Amino acid sequence: MITWGKFFEEGKKIIMPLTIQIHHAVADGYHCSLFFSDVNKILLNPEEYLK
C-alpha cells in the first residue's frame, strides 16, 4: 500500500510525505529502496516524465 500525503512548503522546499507498507514475504527493504529511488528520480526531473 502506498500513501501520499498533502504537500506543503517548508522554506524553499516542497515537502510531501510518502509511505509504503509491504508484507515481508513479498518484498524486503531492497525493493522498497528501489521504489523510493525511482520516485526520487521522477520528482527531480518531472518534465522528463510528464511529456
PDB file of N, CA and C in Angstrom:
ATOM      1  N   MET A   1       0.847  -1.151   0.000  1.00  0.00           N
ATOM      2  CA  MET A   1       0.000   0.000   0.000  1.00  0.00           C
ATOM      3  C   MET A   1       0.906   1.231   0.000  1.00  0.00           C
ATOM      4  N   ILE A   2       0.612   2.159  -0.889  1.00  0.00           N
ATOM      5  CA  ILE A   2       1.383   3.397  -0.988  1.00  0.00           C
ATOM      6  C   ILE A   2       0.472   4.540  -0.582  1.00  0.00           C
ATOM      7  N   THR A   3       0.954   5.390   0.315  1.00  0.00           N
ATOM      8  CA  THR A   3       0.168   6.519   0.795  1.00  0.00           C
ATOM      9  C   THR A   3       0.939   7.805   0.574  1.00  0.00           C
ATOM     10  N   TRP A   4       0.315   8.744  -0.150  1.00  0.00           N
ATOM     11  CA  TRP A   4       0.891  10.071  -0.374  1.00  0.00           C
ATOM     12  C   TRP A   4       0.158  11.043   0.536  1.00  0.00           C
ATOM     13  N   GLY A   5       0.893  11.942   1.175  1.00  0.00           N
ATOM     14  CA  GLY A   5       0.273  12.966   1.991  1.00  0.00           C
ATOM     15  C   GLY A   5       0.141  14.264   1.214  1.00  0.00           C
ATOM     16  N   LYS A   6      -0.447  15.255   1.848  1.00  0.00           N
ATOM     17  CA  LYS A   6      -0.602  16.566   1.223  1.00  0.00           C
ATOM     18  C   LYS A   6       0.748  17.279   1.248  1.00  0.00           C
ATOM     19  N   PHE A   7       1.108  17.906   0.121  1.00  0.00           N
ATOM     20  CA  PHE A   7       2.392  18.599   0.076  1.00  0.00           C
ATOM     21  C   PHE A   7       2.276  19.967   0.725  1.00  0.00           C
ATOM     22  N   PHE A   8       3.407  20.475   1.213  1.00  0.00           N
ATOM     23  CA  PHE A   8       3.455  21.791   1.823  1.00  0.00           C
ATOM     24  C   PHE A   8       4.837  22.380   1.611  1.00  0.00           C
ATOM     25  N   GLU A   9       4.940  23.680   1.734  1.00  0.00           N
ATOM     26  CA  GLU A   9       6.231  24.349   1.583  1.00  0.00           C
ATOM     27  C   GLU A   9       6.887  24.519   2.937  1.00  0.00           C
ATOM     28  N   GLU A  10       8.179  24.249   2.967  1.00  0.00           N
ATOM     29  CA  GLU A  10       8.981  24.441   4.171  1.00  0.00           C
ATOM     30  C   GLU A  10      10.244  25.171   3.728  1.00  0.00           C
ATOM     31  N   GLY A  11      10.261  26.479   3.934  1.00  0.00           N
ATOM     32  CA  GLY A  11      11.362  27.280   3.424  1.00  0.00           C
ATOM     33  C   GLY A  11      11.263  27.336   1.914  1.00  0.00           C
ATOM     34  N   LYS A  12      12.327  26.953   1.215  1.00  0.00           N
ATOM     35  CA  LYS A  12      12.331  26.938  -0.252  1.00  0.00           C
ATOM     36  C   LYS A  12      12.061  25.546  -0.820  1.00  0.00           C
ATOM     37  N   LYS A  13      11.735  24.599   0.055  1.00  0.00           N
ATOM     38  CA  LYS A  13      11.491  23.222  -0.387  1.00  0.00           C
ATOM     39  C   LYS A  13      10.003  22.909  -0.347  1.00  0.00           C
ATOM     40  N   ILE A  14       9.589  22.016  -1.218  1.00  0.00           N
ATOM     41  CA  ILE A  14       8.239  21.469  -1.178  1.00  0.00           C
ATOM     42  C   ILE A  14       8.353  20.060  -0.609  1.00  0.00           C
ATOM     43  N   ILE A  15       7.620  19.810   0.457  1.00  0.00           N
ATOM     44  CA  ILE A  15       7.674  18.535   1.177  1.00  0.00           C
ATOM     45  C   ILE A  15       6.356  17.794   0.962  1.00  0.00           C
ATOM     46  N   MET A  16       6.449  16.475   0.713  1.00  0.00           N
ATOM     47  CA  MET A  16       5.262  15.646   0.585  1.00  0.00           C
ATOM     48  C   MET A  16       5.551  14.295   1.236  1.00  0.00           C
ATOM     49  N   PRO A  17       4.814  13.958   2.279  1.00  0.00           N
ATOM     50  CA  PRO A  17       5.028  12.666   2.932  1.00  0.00           C
ATOM     51  C   PRO A  17       4.658  11.503   2.003  1.00  0.00           C
ATOM     52  N   LEU A  18       5.436  10.447   2.062  1.00  0.00           N
ATOM     53  CA  LEU A  18       5.204   9.254   1.250  1.00  0.00           C
ATOM     54  C   LEU A  18       5.575   8.035   2.083  1.00  0.00           C
ATOM     55  N   THR A  19       4.652   7.098   2.186  1.00  0.00           N
ATOM     56  CA  THR A  19       4.937   5.863   2.921  1.00  0.00           C
ATOM     57  C   THR A  19       4.583   4.662   2.049  1.00  0.00           C
ATOM     58  N   ILE A  20       5.216   3.562   2.349  1.00  0.00           N
ATOM     59  CA  ILE A  20       4.911   2.312   1.657  1.00  0.00           C
ATOM     60  C   ILE A  20       4.819   1.213   2.721  1.00  0.00           C
ATOM     61  N   GLN A  21       3.775   0.396   2.612  1.00  0.00           N
ATOM     62  CA  GLN A  21       3.604  -0.739   3.510  1.00  0.00           C
ATOM     63  C   GLN A  21       3.590  -1.989   2.639  1.00  0.00           C
ATOM     64  N   ILE A  22       4.431  -2.934   2.977  1.00  0.00           N
ATOM     65  CA  ILE A  22       4.524  -4.148   2.175  1.00  0.00           C
ATOM     66  C   ILE A  22       4.824  -5.337   3.092  1.00  0.00           C
ATOM     67  N   HIS A  23       4.249  -6.460   2.776  1.00  0.00           N
ATOM     68  CA  HIS A  23       4.488  -7.666   3.572  1.00  0.00           C
ATOM     69  C   HIS A  23       5.868  -8.213   3.232  1.00  0.00           C
ATOM     70  N   HIS A  24       6.601  -8.591   4.244  1.00  0.00           N
ATOM     71  CA  HIS A  24       7.984  -9.030   4.057  1.00  0.00           C
ATOM     72  C   HIS A  24       8.079 -10.291   3.195  1.00  0.00           C
ATOM     73  N   ALA A  25       7.030 -11.070   3.116  1.00  0.00           N
ATOM     74  CA  ALA A  25       7.057 -12.267   2.270  1.00  0.00           C
ATOM     75  C   ALA A  25       7.044 -11.903   0.782  1.00  0.00           C
ATOM     76  N   VAL A  26       6.596 -10.703   0.473  1.00  0.00           N
ATOM     77  CA  VAL A  26       6.509 -10.264  -0.919  1.00  0.00           C
ATOM     78  C   VAL A  26       7.778  -9.545  -1.346  1.00  0.00           C
ATOM     79  N   ALA A  27       8.307  -8.702  -0.484  1.00  0.00           N
ATOM     80  CA  ALA A  27       9.500  -7.912  -0.815  1.00  0.00           C
ATOM     81  C   ALA A  27      10.204  -7.546   0.482  1.00  0.00           C
ATOM     82  N   ASP A  28      11.407  -6.976   0.335  1.00  0.00           N
ATOM     83  CA  ASP A  28      12.137  -6.565   1.528  1.00  0.00           C
ATOM     84  C   ASP A  28      12.611  -5.122   1.352  1.00  0.00           C
ATOM     85  N   GLY A  29      13.498  -4.696   2.214  1.00  0.00           N
ATOM     86  CA  GLY A  29      13.989  -3.319   2.185  1.00  0.00           C
ATOM     87  C   GLY A  29      14.648  -2.940   0.878  1.00  0.00           C
ATOM     88  N   TYR A  30      15.273  -3.884   0.228  1.00  0.00           N
ATOM     89  CA  TYR A  30      15.924  -3.612  -1.052  1.00  0.00           C
ATOM     90  C   TYR A  30      14.904  -3.147  -2.084  1.00  0.00           C
ATOM     91  N   HIS A  31      13.786  -3.841  -2.173  1.00  0.00           N
ATOM     92  CA  HIS A  31      12.753  -3.487  -3.133  1.00  0.00           C
ATOM     93  C   HIS A  31      12.124  -2.133  -2.795  1.00  0.00           C
ATOM     94  N   CYS A  32      11.941  -1.867  -1.521  1.00  0.00           N
ATOM     95  CA  CYS A  32      11.419  -0.560  -1.109  1.00  0.00           C
ATOM     96  C   CYS A  32      12.398   0.548  -1.468  1.00  0.00           C
ATOM     97  N   SER A  33      13.684   0.300  -1.304  1.00  0.00           N
ATOM     98  CA  SER A  33      14.680   1.325  -1.646  1.00  0.00           C
ATOM     99  C   SER A  33      14.690   1.581  -3.153  1.00  0.00           C
ATOM    100  N   LEU A  34      14.466   0.557  -3.972  1.00  0.00           N
ATOM    101  CA  LEU A  34      14.367   0.752  -5.421  1.00  0.00           C
ATOM    102  C   LEU A  34      13.165   1.633  -5.759  1.00  0.00           C
ATOM    103  N   PHE A  35      12.048   1.381  -5.091  1.00  0.00           N
ATOM    104  CA  PHE A  35      10.848   2.182  -5.309  1.00  0.00           C
ATOM    105  C   PHE A  35      11.111   3.647  -4.970  1.00  0.00           C
ATOM    106  N   PHE A  36      11.672   3.916  -3.787  1.00  0.00           N
ATOM    107  CA  PHE A  36      11.929   5.293  -3.378  1.00  0.00           C
ATOM    108  C   PHE A  36      12.978   5.960  -4.266  1.00  0.00           C
ATOM    109  N   SER A  37      13.929   5.199  -4.754  1.00  0.00           N
ATOM    110  CA  SER A  37      14.923   5.741  -5.674  1.00  0.00           C
ATOM    111  C   SER A  37      14.261   6.175  -6.984  1.00  0.00           C
ATOM    112  N   ASP A  38      13.358   5.354  -7.501  1.00  0.00           N
ATOM    113  CA  ASP A  38      12.647   5.698  -8.734  1.00  0.00           C
ATOM    114  C   ASP A  38      11.755   6.919  -8.528  1.00  0.00           C
ATOM    115  N   VAL A  39      11.051   6.972  -7.421  1.00  0.00           N
ATOM    116  CA  VAL A  39      10.197   8.136  -7.128  1.00  0.00           C
ATOM    117  C   VAL A  39      11.043   9.400  -7.036  1.00  0.00           C
ATOM    118  N   ASN A  40      12.181   9.307  -6.378  1.00  0.00           N
ATOM    119  CA  ASN A  40      13.065  10.463  -6.247  1.00  0.00           C
ATOM    120  C   ASN A  40      13.555  10.936  -7.616  1.00  0.00           C
ATOM    121  N   LYS A  41      13.924  10.000  -8.484  1.00  0.00           N
ATOM    122  CA  LYS A  41      14.389  10.342  -9.826  1.00  0.00           C
ATOM    123  C   LYS A  41      13.290  11.059 -10.615  1.00  0.00           C
ATOM    124  N   ILE A  42      12.062  10.581 -10.503  1.00  0.00           N
ATOM    125  CA  ILE A  42      10.934  11.206 -11.198  1.00  0.00           C
ATOM    126  C   ILE A  42      10.673  12.606 -10.661  1.00  0.00           C
ATOM    127  N   LEU A  43      10.713  12.774  -9.345  1.00  0.00           N
ATOM    128  CA  LEU A  43      10.433  14.082  -8.752  1.00  0.00           C
ATOM    129  C   LEU A  43      11.532  15.100  -9.025  1.00  0.00           C
ATOM    130  N   LEU A  44      12.751  14.649  -9.249  1.00  0.00           N
ATOM    131  CA  LEU A  44      13.838  15.574  -9.568  1.00  0.00           C
ATOM    132  C   LEU A  44      13.821  16.009 -11.038  1.00  0.00           C
ATOM    133  N   ASN A  45      13.172  15.223 -11.912  1.00  0.00           N
ATOM    134  CA  ASN A  45      13.084  15.532 -13.350  1.00  0.00           C
ATOM    135  C   ASN A  45      11.666  15.352 -13.861  1.00  0.00           C
ATOM    136  N   PRO A  46      10.691  16.078 -13.311  1.00  0.00           N
ATOM    137  CA  PRO A  46       9.288  15.823 -13.700  1.00  0.00           C
ATOM    138  C   PRO A  46       9.014  16.085 -15.186  1.00  0.00           C
ATOM    139  N   GLU A  47       9.689  17.072 -15.785  1.00  0.00           N
ATOM    140  CA  GLU A  47       9.424  17.383 -17.187  1.00  0.00           C
ATOM    141  C   GLU A  47       9.767  16.206 -18.106  1.00  0.00           C
ATOM    142  N   GLU A  48      10.690  15.375 -17.700  1.00  0.00           N
ATOM    143  CA  GLU A  48      11.077  14.201 -18.494  1.00  0.00           C
ATOM    144  C   GLU A  48       9.975  13.144 -18.491  1.00  0.00           C
ATOM    145  N   TYR A  49       9.198  13.067 -17.409  1.00  0.00           N
ATOM    146  CA  TYR A  49       8.185  12.036 -17.267  1.00  0.00           C
ATOM    147  C   TYR A  49       6.777  12.529 -17.575  1.00  0.00           C
ATOM    148  N   LEU A  50       6.573  13.838 -17.681  1.00  0.00           N
ATOM    149  CA  LEU A  50       5.243  14.401 -17.923  1.00  0.00           C
ATOM    150  C   LEU A  50       5.060  14.920 -19.341  1.00  0.00           C
ATOM    151  N   LYS A  51       5.842  14.428 -20.266  1.00  0.00           N
ATOM    152  CA  LYS A  51       5.724  14.871 -21.665  1.00  0.00           C
ATOM    153  C   LYS A  51       4.439  14.398 -22.280  1.00  0.00           C
TER     154      LYS A  51
END
